[in-house]
Amino acid sequence: MNKKQVPVVSIILFVFAGILLIFSVWAAINSFQYISEMVAMGQLMTAGNEFEIIGFHMSNFGQYIVYTLLLFGMGWLLLALTPEKEDIFVEEVEVIEEFEDINEED
């Protein structure tokens, strides 16, 4: 039976990625509400201010989305590179057999 053992570090990275995703969605909602309130009150004109509006969004929640993707990617890579239990056992048996063969020759 081939079972892959999930590394604890991978689980921790997934949990942190989930927490950052929740925070970034919350920050995005608040950021969009703030901009729409400013436009509704007439304090902000969108024409000609696109760069400033996008910069405002990126500084409020954009970086957290990037951190979320990086943490999730690291956790997934660590999970994908973890060997299966049976593979580890087979490698250990091969090393032991080679060691025994060397000792028998002496």
C-alpha atoms as a PDB file:
ATOM      1  CA  MET A   1       0.000   0.000   0.000  1.00  0.00           C
ATOM      2  CA  ASN A   2       1.516   3.328  -1.075  1.00  0.00           C
ATOM      3  CA  LYS A   3       0.737   6.048   1.421  1.00  0.00           C
ATOM      4  CA  LYS A   4       2.308   9.458   1.328  1.00  0.00           C
ATOM      5  CA  GLN A   5       3.068  10.940   4.710  1.00  0.00           C
ATOM      6  CA  VAL A   6       2.050  14.613   4.915  1.00  0.00           C
ATOM      7  CA  PRO A   7       4.873  16.719   6.383  1.00  0.00           C
ATOM      8  CA  VAL A   8       3.981  18.897   9.348  1.00  0.00           C
ATOM      9  CA  VAL A   9       5.731  21.898   7.779  1.00  0.00           C
ATOM     10  CA  SER A  10       3.506  21.556   4.711  1.00  0.00           C
ATOM     11  CA  ILE A  11       0.385  21.624   6.883  1.00  0.00           C
ATOM     12  CA  ILE A  12       1.650  24.710   8.721  1.00  0.00           C
ATOM     13  CA  LEU A  13       2.314  26.480   5.407  1.00  0.00           C
ATOM     14  CA  PHE A  14      -1.207  25.624   4.191  1.00  0.00           C
ATOM     15  CA  VAL A  15      -2.727  26.977   7.414  1.00  0.00           C
ATOM     16  CA  PHE A  16      -0.795  30.253   7.142  1.00  0.00           C
ATOM     17  CA  ALA A  17      -1.781  30.536   3.478  1.00  0.00           C
ATOM     18  CA  GLY A  18      -5.435  30.081   4.455  1.00  0.00           C
ATOM     19  CA  ILE A  19      -5.219  32.726   7.161  1.00  0.00           C
ATOM     20  CA  LEU A  20      -3.571  35.184   4.767  1.00  0.00           C
ATOM     21  CA  LEU A  21      -6.197  34.429   2.113  1.00  0.00           C
ATOM     22  CA  ILE A  22      -9.001  35.233   4.559  1.00  0.00           C
ATOM     23  CA  PHE A  23      -7.259  38.459   5.565  1.00  0.00           C
ATOM     24  CA  SER A  24      -6.617  39.503   1.964  1.00  0.00           C
ATOM     25  CA  VAL A  25     -10.275  38.945   0.993  1.00  0.00           C
ATOM     26  CA  TRP A  26     -11.379  41.002   3.999  1.00  0.00           C
ATOM     27  CA  ALA A  27      -8.908  43.776   3.121  1.00  0.00           C
ATOM     28  CA  ALA A  28     -10.022  43.717  -0.533  1.00  0.00           C
ATOM     29  CA  ILE A  29     -13.671  44.115   0.425  1.00  0.00           C
ATOM     30  CA  ASN A  30     -12.862  47.066   2.688  1.00  0.00           C
ATOM     31  CA  SER A  31     -10.596  48.621   0.068  1.00  0.00           C
ATOM     32  CA  PHE A  32     -13.232  48.451  -2.667  1.00  0.00           C
ATOM     33  CA  GLN A  33     -15.894  49.823  -0.302  1.00  0.00           C
ATOM     34  CA  TYR A  34     -13.648  52.755   0.606  1.00  0.00           C
ATOM     35  CA  ILE A  35     -12.964  53.659  -3.030  1.00  0.00           C
ATOM     36  CA  SER A  36     -16.639  53.366  -3.981  1.00  0.00           C
ATOM     37  CA  GLU A  37     -17.641  55.593  -1.057  1.00  0.00           C
ATOM     38  CA  MET A  38     -15.080  58.180  -2.132  1.00  0.00           C
ATOM     39  CA  VAL A  39     -16.435  58.118  -5.698  1.00  0.00           C
ATOM     40  CA  ALA A  40     -20.056  58.286  -4.475  1.00  0.00           C
ATOM     41  CA  MET A  41     -19.316  61.368  -2.335  1.00  0.00           C
ATOM     42  CA  GLY A  42     -17.541  63.041  -5.243  1.00  0.00           C
ATOM     43  CA  GLN A  43     -14.184  63.221  -3.465  1.00  0.00           C
ATOM     44  CA  LEU A  44     -12.483  61.017  -6.058  1.00  0.00           C
ATOM     45  CA  MET A  45     -12.747  60.995  -9.832  1.00  0.00           C
ATOM     46  CA  THR A  46     -11.796  57.709 -11.468  1.00  0.00           C
ATOM     47  CA  ALA A  47     -10.851  59.270 -14.807  1.00  0.00           C
ATOM     48  CA  GLY A  48      -7.145  60.018 -14.737  1.00  0.00           C
ATOM     49  CA  ASN A  49      -6.620  58.451 -11.298  1.00  0.00           C
ATOM     50  CA  GLU A  50      -6.525  54.792 -12.336  1.00  0.00           C
ATOM     51  CA  PHE A  51      -2.878  54.371 -11.359  1.00  0.00           C
ATOM     52  CA  GLU A  52      -3.467  55.795  -7.876  1.00  0.00           C
ATOM     53  CA  ILE A  53      -6.553  53.627  -7.349  1.00  0.00           C
ATOM     54  CA  ILE A  54      -4.732  50.469  -8.439  1.00  0.00           C
ATOM     55  CA  GLY A  55      -1.748  51.430  -6.288  1.00  0.00           C
ATOM     56  CA  PHE A  56      -4.086  51.898  -3.316  1.00  0.00           C
ATOM     57  CA  HIS A  57      -5.525  48.410  -3.820  1.00  0.00           C
ATOM     58  CA  MET A  58      -2.097  46.852  -4.284  1.00  0.00           C
ATOM     59  CA  SER A  59      -0.751  48.435  -1.114  1.00  0.00           C
ATOM     60  CA  ASN A  60      -3.797  47.361   0.895  1.00  0.00           C
ATOM     61  CA  PHE A  61      -4.256  43.739  -0.131  1.00  0.00           C
ATOM     62  CA  GLY A  62      -2.179  42.863  -3.212  1.00  0.00           C
ATOM     63  CA  GLN A  63       0.932  41.889  -1.312  1.00  0.00           C
ATOM     64  CA  TYR A  64      -1.025  39.515   0.921  1.00  0.00           C
ATOM     65  CA  ILE A  65      -2.353  37.666  -2.118  1.00  0.00           C
ATOM     66  CA  VAL A  66       1.231  37.228  -3.342  1.00  0.00           C
ATOM     67  CA  TYR A  67       2.308  35.956   0.104  1.00  0.00           C
ATOM     68  CA  THR A  68      -0.639  33.538   0.100  1.00  0.00           C
ATOM     69  CA  LEU A  69       0.369  32.137  -3.276  1.00  0.00           C
ATOM     70  CA  LEU A  70       4.000  31.799  -2.199  1.00  0.00           C
ATOM     71  CA  LEU A  71       3.142  29.989   1.046  1.00  0.00           C
ATOM     72  CA  PHE A  72       0.706  27.672  -0.714  1.00  0.00           C
ATOM     73  CA  GLY A  73       3.258  26.958  -3.438  1.00  0.00           C
ATOM     74  CA  MET A  74       5.984  26.129  -0.924  1.00  0.00           C
ATOM     75  CA  GLY A  75       3.636  23.808   0.960  1.00  0.00           C
ATOM     76  CA  TRP A  76       2.566  22.088  -2.237  1.00  0.00           C
ATOM     77  CA  LEU A  77       6.167  21.629  -3.408  1.00  0.00           C
ATOM     78  CA  LEU A  78       7.152  20.189  -0.058  1.00  0.00           C
ATOM     79  CA  LEU A  79       4.195  17.817  -0.217  1.00  0.00           C
ATOM     80  CA  ALA A  80       5.001  16.803  -3.795  1.00  0.00           C
ATOM     81  CA  LEU A  81       8.679  16.152  -3.041  1.00  0.00           C
ATOM     82  CA  THR A  82       7.997  13.984   0.013  1.00  0.00           C
ATOM     83  CA  PRO A  83       8.811  10.343  -0.771  1.00  0.00           C
ATOM     84  CA  GLU A  84       6.257   7.633  -0.179  1.00  0.00           C
ATOM     85  CA  LYS A  85       6.648   5.352   2.839  1.00  0.00           C
ATOM     86  CA  GLU A  86       7.188   2.239   0.732  1.00  0.00           C
ATOM     87  CA  ASP A  87       9.954   3.910  -1.287  1.00  0.00           C
ATOM     88  CA  ILE A  88      11.844   4.781   1.887  1.00  0.00           C
ATOM     89  CA  PHE A  89      11.499   1.205   3.160  1.00  0.00           C
ATOM     90  CA  VAL A  90      12.693  -0.300  -0.136  1.00  0.00           C
ATOM     91  CA  GLU A  91      15.746   1.981  -0.169  1.00  0.00           C
ATOM     92  CA  GLU A  92      16.607   1.023   3.428  1.00  0.00           C
ATOM     93  CA  VAL A  93      16.335  -2.694   2.604  1.00  0.00           C
ATOM     94  CA  GLU A  94      18.589  -2.271  -0.454  1.00  0.00           C
ATOM     95  CA  VAL A  95      21.229  -0.462   1.617  1.00  0.00           C
ATOM     96  CA  ILE A  96      21.102  -3.152   4.306  1.00  0.00           C
ATOM     97  CA  GLU A  97      21.431  -5.921   1.696  1.00  0.00           C
ATOM     98  CA  GLU A  98      24.427  -4.181   0.090  1.00  0.00           C
ATOM     99  CA  PHE A  99      26.038  -3.806   3.516  1.00  0.00           C
ATOM    100  CA  GLU A 100      25.489  -7.505   4.255  1.00  0.00           C
ATOM    101  CA  ASP A 101      26.984  -8.470   0.875  1.00  0.00           C
ATOM    102  CA  ILE A 102      30.087  -6.403   1.630  1.00  0.00           C
ATOM    103  CA  ASN A 103      30.466  -8.045   5.059  1.00  0.00           C
ATOM    104  CA  GLU A 104      30.088 -11.556   3.584  1.00  0.00           C
ATOM    105  CA  GLU A 105      32.880 -10.910   1.078  1.00  0.00           C
ATOM    106  CA  ASP A 106      35.321 -10.015   3.851  1.00  0.00           C
END
